[in-house]
C-alpha atoms as a PDB file:
ATOM      1  CA  MET A   1      -6.224  -2.535 -14.577  1.00  0.00           C
ATOM      2  CA  SER A   2      -8.496  -5.081 -12.976  1.00  0.00           C
ATOM      3  CA  CYS A   3     -10.435  -4.540  -9.841  1.00  0.00           C
ATOM      4  CA  GLY A   4     -10.335  -8.306  -8.968  1.00  0.00           C
ATOM      5  CA  SER A   5      -7.895  -9.903  -6.652  1.00  0.00           C
ATOM      6  CA  ARG A   6      -4.982 -11.766  -8.199  1.00  0.00           C
ATOM      7  CA  LYS A   7      -4.937 -14.248  -5.303  1.00  0.00           C
ATOM      8  CA  ARG A   8      -5.002 -17.905  -6.439  1.00  0.00           C
ATOM      9  CA  VAL A   9      -7.923 -19.887  -5.159  1.00  0.00           C
ATOM     10  CA  THR A  10      -7.013 -23.330  -3.969  1.00  0.00           C
ATOM     11  CA  THR A  11      -9.746 -25.977  -3.905  1.00  0.00           C
ATOM     12  CA  LYS A  12      -9.394 -28.535  -1.130  1.00  0.00           C
ATOM     13  CA  LYS A  13      -9.688 -32.092  -2.199  1.00  0.00           C
ATOM     14  CA  THR A  14     -12.507 -33.975  -0.508  1.00  0.00           C
ATOM     15  CA  SER A  15     -11.200 -37.159   0.994  1.00  0.00           C
ATOM     16  CA  LYS A  16     -13.105 -40.372   0.411  1.00  0.00           C
ATOM     17  CA  PRO A  17     -15.238 -41.442   3.335  1.00  0.00           C
ATOM     18  CA  ARG A  18     -13.639 -44.289   5.308  1.00  0.00           C
ATOM     19  CA  THR A  19     -15.427 -47.591   5.198  1.00  0.00           C
ATOM     20  CA  GLU A  20     -15.398 -49.404   8.460  1.00  0.00           C
ATOM     21  CA  ARG A  21     -14.327 -53.004   8.132  1.00  0.00           C
ATOM     22  CA  VAL A  22     -16.572 -55.377   9.964  1.00  0.00           C
ATOM     23  CA  THR A  23     -15.111 -58.707  10.824  1.00  0.00           C
ATOM     24  CA  ARG A  24     -17.717 -61.406  10.915  1.00  0.00           C
ATOM     25  CA  THR A  25     -17.120 -64.552  12.891  1.00  0.00           C
ATOM     26  CA  VAL A  26     -18.257 -67.582  10.900  1.00  0.00           C
ATOM     27  CA  PRO A  27     -19.208 -70.440  13.154  1.00  0.00           C
ATOM     28  CA  PRO A  28     -17.417 -73.649  12.371  1.00  0.00           C
ATOM     29  CA  LYS A  29     -19.319 -76.096  10.239  1.00  0.00           C
ATOM     30  CA  THR A  30     -20.877 -78.872  12.175  1.00  0.00           C
ATOM     31  CA  HIS A  31     -20.946 -82.344  10.750  1.00  0.00           C
ATOM     32  CA  VAL A  32     -24.458 -83.546  10.177  1.00  0.00           C
ATOM     33  CA  PRO A  33     -24.553 -87.259   9.908  1.00  0.00           C
ATOM     34  CA  GLU A  34     -26.382 -88.637   6.937  1.00  0.00           C
ATOM     35  CA  THR A  35     -29.828 -89.888   7.634  1.00  0.00           C
ATOM     36  CA  PRO A  36     -29.654 -93.620   7.341  1.00  0.00           C
ATOM     37  CA  SER A  37     -31.789 -94.978   4.607  1.00  0.00           C
ATOM     38  CA  GLU A  38     -34.854 -96.971   5.538  1.00  0.00           C
ATOM     39  CA  PRO A  39     -34.094-100.689   5.764  1.00  0.00           C
ATOM     40  CA  THR A  40     -35.254-102.471   2.673  1.00  0.00           C
ATOM     41  CA  THR A  41     -38.134-104.809   3.352  1.00  0.00           C
ATOM     42  CA  PRO A  42     -37.423-108.158   1.729  1.00  0.00           C
ATOM     43  CA  THR A  43     -39.771-108.874  -1.138  1.00  0.00           C
ATOM     44  CA  VAL A  44     -42.210-111.589  -0.255  1.00  0.00           C
ATOM     45  CA  PRO A  45     -43.240-113.604  -3.244  1.00  0.00           C
ATOM     46  CA  VAL A  46     -46.918-113.277  -3.953  1.00  0.00           C
ATOM     47  CA  LYS A  47     -48.715-116.517  -4.397  1.00  0.00           C
ATOM     48  CA  THR A  48     -50.406-116.696  -7.745  1.00  0.00           C
ATOM     49  CA  TYR A  49     -53.248-118.997  -8.643  1.00  0.00           C
ATOM     50  CA  ALA A  50     -54.211-120.558 -11.948  1.00  0.00           C
ATOM     51  CA  ASN A  51     -57.734-119.351 -11.597  1.00  0.00           C
ATOM     52  CA  SER A  52     -60.263-117.875  -9.175  1.00  0.00           C
ATOM     53  CA  THR A  53     -61.441-121.324  -8.073  1.00  0.00           C
ATOM     54  CA  GLU A  54     -57.958-122.283  -6.793  1.00  0.00           C
ATOM     55  CA  GLN A  55     -57.770-118.940  -4.949  1.00  0.00           C
ATOM     56  CA  TYR A  56     -61.210-119.589  -3.446  1.00  0.00           C
ATOM     57  CA  ILE A  57     -60.085-122.978  -2.140  1.00  0.00           C
ATOM     58  CA  ALA A  58     -56.946-121.488  -0.646  1.00  0.00           C
ATOM     59  CA  ASN A  59     -59.038-118.832   1.111  1.00  0.00           C
ATOM     60  CA  TYR A  60     -61.758-121.009   2.550  1.00  0.00           C
ATOM     61  CA  ALA A  61     -60.419-124.591   2.877  1.00  0.00           C
ATOM     62  CA  ALA A  62     -59.529-124.069   6.520  1.00  0.00           C
ATOM     63  CA  ILE A  63     -63.031-122.796   7.339  1.00  0.00           C
ATOM     64  CA  ALA A  64     -64.666-125.698   5.551  1.00  0.00           C
ATOM     65  CA  GLN A  65     -62.442-128.142   7.504  1.00  0.00           C
ATOM     66  CA  GLU A  66     -63.400-126.538  10.846  1.00  0.00           C
ATOM     67  CA  GLU A  67     -67.051-126.833   9.926  1.00  0.00           C
ATOM     68  CA  MET A  68     -66.492-130.497   9.090  1.00  0.00           C
ATOM     69  CA  ARG A  69     -64.975-131.090  12.539  1.00  0.00           C
ATOM     70  CA  LEU A  70     -67.903-129.404  14.266  1.00  0.00           C
ATOM     71  CA  TYR A  71     -70.862-130.473  12.184  1.00  0.00           C
ATOM     72  CA  LYS A  72     -69.739-133.652  10.334  1.00  0.00           C
ATOM     73  CA  ILE A  73     -70.294-132.158   6.877  1.00  0.00           C
ATOM     74  CA  PRO A  74     -67.522-133.093   4.377  1.00  0.00           C
ATOM     75  CA  ALA A  75     -65.267-130.149   3.722  1.00  0.00           C
ATOM     76  CA  SER A  76     -65.178-131.211   0.051  1.00  0.00           C
ATOM     77  CA  ILE A  77     -68.927-130.848  -0.200  1.00  0.00           C
ATOM     78  CA  THR A  78     -68.963-127.437   1.569  1.00  0.00           C
ATOM     79  CA  LEU A  79     -66.152-126.126  -0.698  1.00  0.00           C
ATOM     80  CA  ALA A  80     -67.740-127.464  -3.854  1.00  0.00           C
ATOM     81  CA  GLN A  81     -71.113-125.934  -2.993  1.00  0.00           C
ATOM     82  CA  GLY A  82     -69.461-122.654  -2.152  1.00  0.00           C
ATOM     83  CA  ILE A  83     -67.543-122.647  -5.448  1.00  0.00           C
ATOM     84  CA  LEU A  84     -70.599-123.497  -7.471  1.00  0.00           C
ATOM     85  CA  GLU A  85     -73.107-121.191  -5.758  1.00  0.00           C
ATOM     86  CA  SER A  86     -70.859-118.142  -5.280  1.00  0.00           C
ATOM     87  CA  GLY A  87     -69.154-118.340  -8.681  1.00  0.00           C
ATOM     88  CA  SER A  88     -65.848-118.971  -6.902  1.00  0.00           C
ATOM     89  CA  GLY A  89     -66.470-115.895  -4.741  1.00  0.00           C
ATOM     90  CA  LYS A  90     -67.195-113.598  -7.737  1.00  0.00           C
ATOM     91  CA  GLY A  91     -71.034-113.568  -7.534  1.00  0.00           C
ATOM     92  CA  ARG A  92     -72.952-110.533  -6.306  1.00  0.00           C
ATOM     93  CA  LEU A  93     -74.223-112.155  -3.138  1.00  0.00           C
ATOM     94  CA  SER A  94     -70.761-113.251  -2.059  1.00  0.00           C
ATOM     95  CA  VAL A  95     -69.091-109.940  -2.995  1.00  0.00           C
ATOM     96  CA  GLU A  96     -71.691-107.556  -1.551  1.00  0.00           C
ATOM     97  CA  ALA A  97     -73.188-109.717   1.205  1.00  0.00           C
ATOM     98  CA  ASN A  98     -70.508-112.369   2.040  1.00  0.00           C
ATOM     99  CA  ASN A  99     -73.285-114.890   1.307  1.00  0.00           C
ATOM    100  CA  HIS A 100     -71.561-117.829  -0.391  1.00  0.00           C
ATOM    101  CA  PHE A 101     -74.462-120.311  -0.358  1.00  0.00           C
ATOM    102  CA  GLY A 102     -77.428-118.233  -1.483  1.00  0.00           C
ATOM    103  CA  ILE A 103     -79.154-118.564   1.963  1.00  0.00           C
ATOM    104  CA  LYS A 104     -82.373-116.601   1.996  1.00  0.00           C
ATOM    105  CA  CYS A 105     -83.893-114.570   4.815  1.00  0.00           C
ATOM    106  CA  HIS A 106     -86.048-117.272   6.350  1.00  0.00           C
ATOM    107  CA  GLU A 107     -86.302-116.473  10.097  1.00  0.00           C
ATOM    108  CA  TRP A 108     -83.517-113.922   9.662  1.00  0.00           C
ATOM    109  CA  THR A 109     -83.459-110.635  11.630  1.00  0.00           C
ATOM    110  CA  GLY A 110     -80.023-109.386  10.541  1.00  0.00           C
ATOM    111  CA  ALA A 111     -78.824-107.348   7.567  1.00  0.00           C
ATOM    112  CA  ARG A 112     -80.212-108.324   4.185  1.00  0.00           C
ATOM    113  CA  ILE A 113     -79.748-107.819   0.485  1.00  0.00           C
ATOM    114  CA  TYR A 114     -82.261-108.169  -2.338  1.00  0.00           C
ATOM    115  CA  HIS A 115     -81.387-110.166  -5.429  1.00  0.00           C
ATOM    116  CA  ASP A 116     -83.254-111.712  -8.350  1.00  0.00           C
ATOM    117  CA  ASP A 117     -83.421-115.509  -7.998  1.00  0.00           C
ATOM    118  CA  ASP A 118     -86.433-117.738  -8.552  1.00  0.00           C
ATOM    119  CA  LYS A 119     -88.443-114.507  -8.191  1.00  0.00           C
ATOM    120  CA  ALA A 120     -87.485-110.852  -8.610  1.00  0.00           C
ATOM    121  CA  GLN A 121     -85.784-109.124  -5.674  1.00  0.00           C
ATOM    122  CA  GLU A 122     -85.850-111.962  -3.188  1.00  0.00           C
ATOM    123  CA  CYS A 123     -84.419-111.455   0.317  1.00  0.00           C
ATOM    124  CA  PHE A 124     -81.034-112.938   1.122  1.00  0.00           C
ATOM    125  CA  ARG A 125     -78.967-112.860   4.303  1.00  0.00           C
ATOM    126  CA  LYS A 126     -76.061-110.482   4.564  1.00  0.00           C
ATOM    127  CA  TYR A 127     -73.013-111.287   6.698  1.00  0.00           C
ATOM    128  CA  LYS A 128     -70.147-109.253   8.113  1.00  0.00           C
ATOM    129  CA  ASP A 129     -67.668-112.032   7.269  1.00  0.00           C
ATOM    130  CA  PRO A 130     -67.807-115.038   4.912  1.00  0.00           C
ATOM    131  CA  LYS A 131     -67.136-117.402   7.837  1.00  0.00           C
ATOM    132  CA  TYR A 132     -70.650-116.689   9.188  1.00  0.00           C
ATOM    133  CA  SER A 133     -72.069-117.772   5.837  1.00  0.00           C
ATOM    134  CA  PHE A 134     -70.186-121.073   6.158  1.00  0.00           C
ATOM    135  CA  ARG A 135     -71.560-121.523   9.647  1.00  0.00           C
ATOM    136  CA  ASP A 136     -75.149-120.860   8.539  1.00  0.00           C
ATOM    137  CA  HIS A 137     -74.647-123.431   5.717  1.00  0.00           C
ATOM    138  CA  SER A 138     -73.658-126.016   8.343  1.00  0.00           C
ATOM    139  CA  LEU A 139     -76.601-125.193  10.563  1.00  0.00           C
ATOM    140  CA  PHE A 140     -78.959-125.133   7.574  1.00  0.00           C
ATOM    141  CA  LEU A 141     -78.136-128.782   6.821  1.00  0.00           C
ATOM    142  CA  LYS A 142     -77.752-129.955  10.368  1.00  0.00           C
ATOM    143  CA  GLU A 143     -81.040-128.543  11.762  1.00  0.00           C
ATOM    144  CA  ARG A 144     -83.460-129.317   8.931  1.00  0.00           C
ATOM    145  CA  LYS A 145     -85.131-132.703   9.130  1.00  0.00           C
ATOM    146  CA  ARG A 146     -85.198-133.249   5.400  1.00  0.00           C
ATOM    147  CA  TYR A 147     -81.379-133.537   5.359  1.00  0.00           C
ATOM    148  CA  TYR A 148     -81.143-136.180   8.064  1.00  0.00           C
ATOM    149  CA  LYS A 149     -80.176-138.898   5.556  1.00  0.00           C
ATOM    150  CA  LEU A 150     -76.958-137.020   4.774  1.00  0.00           C
ATOM    151  CA  PHE A 151     -75.640-137.719   8.211  1.00  0.00           C
ATOM    152  CA  ASP A 152     -76.259-141.456   7.815  1.00  0.00           C
ATOM    153  CA  LEU A 153     -73.659-141.448   5.008  1.00  0.00           C
ATOM    154  CA  LYS A 154     -69.949-141.894   5.573  1.00  0.00           C
ATOM    155  CA  ILE A 155     -68.063-138.644   6.017  1.00  0.00           C
ATOM    156  CA  ASN A 156     -65.772-139.462   3.050  1.00  0.00           C
ATOM    157  CA  ASP A 157     -68.632-140.450   0.715  1.00  0.00           C
ATOM    158  CA  TYR A 158     -68.728-137.176  -1.191  1.00  0.00           C
ATOM    159  CA  LYS A 159     -70.595-138.826  -4.134  1.00  0.00           C
ATOM    160  CA  GLY A 160     -73.327-139.986  -1.806  1.00  0.00           C
ATOM    161  CA  TRP A 161     -73.557-136.561  -0.188  1.00  0.00           C
ATOM    162  CA  ALA A 162     -73.775-134.824  -3.559  1.00  0.00           C
ATOM    163  CA  ARG A 163     -76.625-137.056  -4.710  1.00  0.00           C
ATOM    164  CA  GLU A 164     -78.537-136.929  -1.444  1.00  0.00           C
ATOM    165  CA  LEU A 165     -78.370-133.122  -1.343  1.00  0.00           C
ATOM    166  CA  ARG A 166     -80.464-132.938  -4.513  1.00  0.00           C
ATOM    167  CA  ALA A 167     -82.716-135.796  -3.444  1.00  0.00           C
ATOM    168  CA  ALA A 168     -83.470-133.881  -0.234  1.00  0.00           C
ATOM    169  CA  GLY A 169     -84.438-130.814  -2.205  1.00  0.00           C
ATOM    170  CA  TYR A 170     -81.367-128.615  -1.819  1.00  0.00           C
ATOM    171  CA  ALA A 171     -81.252-127.971  -5.575  1.00  0.00           C
ATOM    172  CA  THR A 172     -83.653-128.530  -8.473  1.00  0.00           C
ATOM    173  CA  ASP A 173     -80.897-128.799 -11.092  1.00  0.00           C
ATOM    174  CA  LYS A 174     -80.677-132.424 -12.203  1.00  0.00           C
ATOM    175  CA  LYS A 175     -76.989-132.030 -12.860  1.00  0.00           C
ATOM    176  CA  TYR A 176     -76.260-130.519  -9.449  1.00  0.00           C
ATOM    177  CA  PRO A 177     -74.658-133.738  -7.995  1.00  0.00           C
ATOM    178  CA  ASP A 178     -72.502-134.206 -11.085  1.00  0.00           C
ATOM    179  CA  LYS A 179     -71.299-130.604 -10.880  1.00  0.00           C
ATOM    180  CA  LEU A 180     -70.290-130.996  -7.242  1.00  0.00           C
ATOM    181  CA  ILE A 181     -68.539-134.333  -7.892  1.00  0.00           C
ATOM    182  CA  SER A 182     -66.731-132.834 -10.901  1.00  0.00           C
ATOM    183  CA  LEU A 183     -65.399-129.904  -8.816  1.00  0.00           C
ATOM    184  CA  ILE A 184     -64.333-132.260  -5.976  1.00  0.00           C
ATOM    185  CA  GLU A 185     -62.384-134.532  -8.286  1.00  0.00           C
ATOM    186  CA  ARG A 186     -60.912-131.838 -10.477  1.00  0.00           C
ATOM    187  CA  TYR A 187     -59.516-129.923  -7.484  1.00  0.00           C
ATOM    188  CA  GLN A 188     -58.961-132.948  -5.248  1.00  0.00           C
ATOM    189  CA  LEU A 189     -61.155-131.464  -2.543  1.00  0.00           C
ATOM    190  CA  TYR A 190     -61.567-134.882  -0.973  1.00  0.00           C
ATOM    191  CA  LYS A 191     -58.024-134.436   0.485  1.00  0.00           C
ATOM    192  CA  TYR A 192     -59.430-131.848   2.830  1.00  0.00           C
ATOM    193  CA  ASP A 193     -61.819-134.473   4.207  1.00  0.00           C
ATOM    194  CA  ASP A 194     -58.872-136.793   4.883  1.00  0.00           C
ATOM    195  CA  ILE A 195     -56.942-134.096   6.663  1.00  0.00           C
ATOM    196  CA  ALA A 196     -59.833-132.824   8.742  1.00  0.00           C
ATOM    197  CA  SER A 197     -60.874-136.287   9.871  1.00  0.00           C
ATOM    198  CA  GLY A 198     -57.308-137.554  10.407  1.00  0.00           C
ATOM    199  CA  ASN A 199     -57.876-140.293   7.840  1.00  0.00           C
ATOM    200  CA  THR A 200     -54.820-139.507   5.732  1.00  0.00           C
ATOM    201  CA  PRO A 201     -53.897-142.700   3.846  1.00  0.00           C
ATOM    202  CA  GLN A 202     -51.684-144.834   6.104  1.00  0.00           C
ATOM    203  CA  VAL A 203     -49.040-145.320   3.459  1.00  0.00           C
ATOM    204  CA  THR A 204     -48.183-141.635   3.511  1.00  0.00           C
ATOM    205  CA  ILE A 205     -47.542-141.826   7.241  1.00  0.00           C
ATOM    206  CA  SER A 206     -45.988-145.151   8.072  1.00  0.00           C
ATOM    207  CA  ASN A 207     -44.163-146.151   4.851  1.00  0.00           C
ATOM    208  CA  ASN A 208     -43.344-142.812   3.309  1.00  0.00           C
ATOM    209  CA  ILE A 209     -42.231-139.298   4.154  1.00  0.00           C
ATOM    210  CA  SER A 210     -45.082-136.874   3.526  1.00  0.00           C
ATOM    211  CA  HIS A 211     -45.472-133.080   3.441  1.00  0.00           C
ATOM    212  CA  GLN A 212     -48.637-131.113   3.975  1.00  0.00           C
ATOM    213  CA  VAL A 213     -48.772-128.100   1.560  1.00  0.00           C
ATOM    214  CA  VAL A 214     -48.894-124.691   3.225  1.00  0.00           C
ATOM    215  CA  LYS A 215     -49.339-121.215   1.763  1.00  0.00           C
ATOM    216  CA  GLY A 216     -46.391-120.347  -0.454  1.00  0.00           C
ATOM    217  CA  ASP A 217     -45.324-123.919  -1.236  1.00  0.00           C
ATOM    218  CA  THR A 218     -44.515-124.905  -4.815  1.00  0.00           C
ATOM    219  CA  LEU A 219     -43.341-128.203  -6.152  1.00  0.00           C
ATOM    220  CA  TYR A 220     -39.944-126.642  -6.760  1.00  0.00           C
ATOM    221  CA  SER A 221     -39.547-125.328  -3.190  1.00  0.00           C
ATOM    222  CA  ILE A 222     -40.690-128.667  -1.774  1.00  0.00           C
ATOM    223  CA  SER A 223     -38.330-130.571  -3.970  1.00  0.00           C
ATOM    224  CA  LYS A 224     -35.392-128.449  -2.743  1.00  0.00           C
ATOM    225  CA  ARG A 225     -36.441-128.865   0.855  1.00  0.00           C
ATOM    226  CA  TYR A 226     -36.436-132.678   0.626  1.00  0.00           C
ATOM    227  CA  ASN A 227     -33.538-132.959  -1.822  1.00  0.00           C
ATOM    228  CA  THR A 228     -35.553-134.446  -4.586  1.00  0.00           C
ATOM    229  CA  THR A 229     -36.902-133.243  -7.965  1.00  0.00           C
ATOM    230  CA  VAL A 230     -40.221-131.912  -9.264  1.00  0.00           C
ATOM    231  CA  ASP A 231     -40.520-134.852 -11.627  1.00  0.00           C
ATOM    232  CA  VAL A 232     -40.153-137.292  -8.765  1.00  0.00           C
ATOM    233  CA  LEU A 233     -42.794-135.553  -6.714  1.00  0.00           C
ATOM    234  CA  LYS A 234     -45.220-135.590  -9.635  1.00  0.00           C
ATOM    235  CA  ARG A 235     -44.659-139.284 -10.226  1.00  0.00           C
ATOM    236  CA  LEU A 236     -45.027-140.260  -6.539  1.00  0.00           C
ATOM    237  CA  ASN A 237     -48.284-138.329  -6.247  1.00  0.00           C
ATOM    238  CA  GLY A 238     -49.759-138.943  -9.673  1.00  0.00           C
ATOM    239  CA  LEU A 239     -49.772-135.189 -10.516  1.00  0.00           C
ATOM    240  CA  LYS A 240     -50.369-134.165 -14.092  1.00  0.00           C
ATOM    241  CA  ASN A 241     -49.424-130.488 -13.509  1.00  0.00           C
ATOM    242  CA  ASN A 242     -47.669-128.284 -10.936  1.00  0.00           C
ATOM    243  CA  ASN A 243     -50.850-127.047  -9.238  1.00  0.00           C
ATOM    244  CA  LEU A 244     -51.000-127.495  -5.452  1.00  0.00           C
ATOM    245  CA  SER A 245     -53.691-126.835  -2.878  1.00  0.00           C
ATOM    246  CA  ILE A 246     -53.159-125.692   0.690  1.00  0.00           C
ATOM    247  CA  GLY A 247     -53.588-128.683   2.998  1.00  0.00           C
ATOM    248  CA  GLN A 248     -52.794-131.171   0.231  1.00  0.00           C
ATOM    249  CA  VAL A 249     -50.604-134.063   1.501  1.00  0.00           C
ATOM    250  CA  LEU A 250     -47.737-135.053  -0.790  1.00  0.00           C
ATOM    251  CA  ILE A 251     -45.487-138.089  -0.605  1.00  0.00           C
ATOM    252  CA  VAL A 252     -42.036-136.628  -0.891  1.00  0.00           C
ATOM    253  CA  LYS A 253     -39.872-139.722  -0.353  1.00  0.00           C
ATOM    254  CA  THR A 254     -40.424-143.453  -0.014  1.00  0.00           C
ATOM    255  CA  LYS A 255     -38.659-145.318   2.723  1.00  0.00           C
END
């Protein structure tokens, strides 16, 4: 006999907790227009030069011509002196002081730079812009009595100017005139004198079609513009190579 109850014990099953369904509203996708790409800037061909001297001429020919109009100093002489005395713009005085003609501090109250020349650490003028150096060069020749004979010479007599500069004491180097003349003839700097003075040879105006070279011009681009060839341009102008200078006047066609 058992004292325990014989009653069956029933265990209730625990129901699983109900999970509430949450309905989320997804906003409709909005169309975002594509950001337009930046317009492509056309590539501008960069003018290259055969050497630093040609680049110097391109940079400063216009300034030299303006000085010629104002002070009657041949642009060819100014450019040749600048090339020679500044090392085509690479010398320390031109790079650090914008002084292209080695002008010293005589009666100068502005900024200055010290540089070894005839003596150690001599005082030279320092300019904010190279154009002021070109202006001082013009005034230096125009206002000093010892250079008066220069202005008795013809404006296109670059050989006479080169020789008289040394005779007047501008330089002690005996070869100074020859160096200037060589630069003028090698780079045809005398053409800038013709342009500045309006004395372009008459044949290129009245009997022929001419073109004045501007920045970016090449013999090829000029030949295409005038429907001719590079060889014809070289023959008409007596050119031995394809080098051009800004301001140079070319015969492009004969009438």
